[in-house]
């Protein structure tokens, strides 16, 4: 049976690592709850939370970031929680492709047949301009780039330059 959180207090759902006793929330979570109830805008970042997994048989600590604000013209607040590392990791595809090329792995083999799809909301590879680069399906577009990226004259370029420490980025991966 799935739990119904419609009538459970926020402090019973979020268990912070600072909470020493079950059912006795610590000051941080009580402060966060009060700020939500009083329709304040704010954030709490790097909060250590107890996270259960493996059908609630195991527990780990995870850093979370909380963001909250009132919903205008209502008595409600909106709170969003994200892992502290959310959006801070990305893959340098060029490095992965080169590694596979050196290992003599044909990446196109992973996409053989038609029993797979590209997620409609995800962008894998795109030309910065579409004229002359139209594809029937997103899968055809991905196959196109899989063929091109193993060519010796292929270069990986970013649409947006990095904010590099020395301020000098050529945009090439």
Foldseek 3Di string as FASTA:
>chain_A
DDDDCPPPDPQQVWAFPPDDDHPDHDPVVVVVSVCQQVFHWDKDFQTWTWDADPVRPDTDIFTKMKTKGADPPDSGIDIDIDGNCPPVDDDPVLVVVVVCVVVVHLPVVVVPDDPDADPPVDDDDDDPDCVVPDDPGVSVSVSVVSVVSVDPVDWAFDPDFDCDPVNDTPRTD
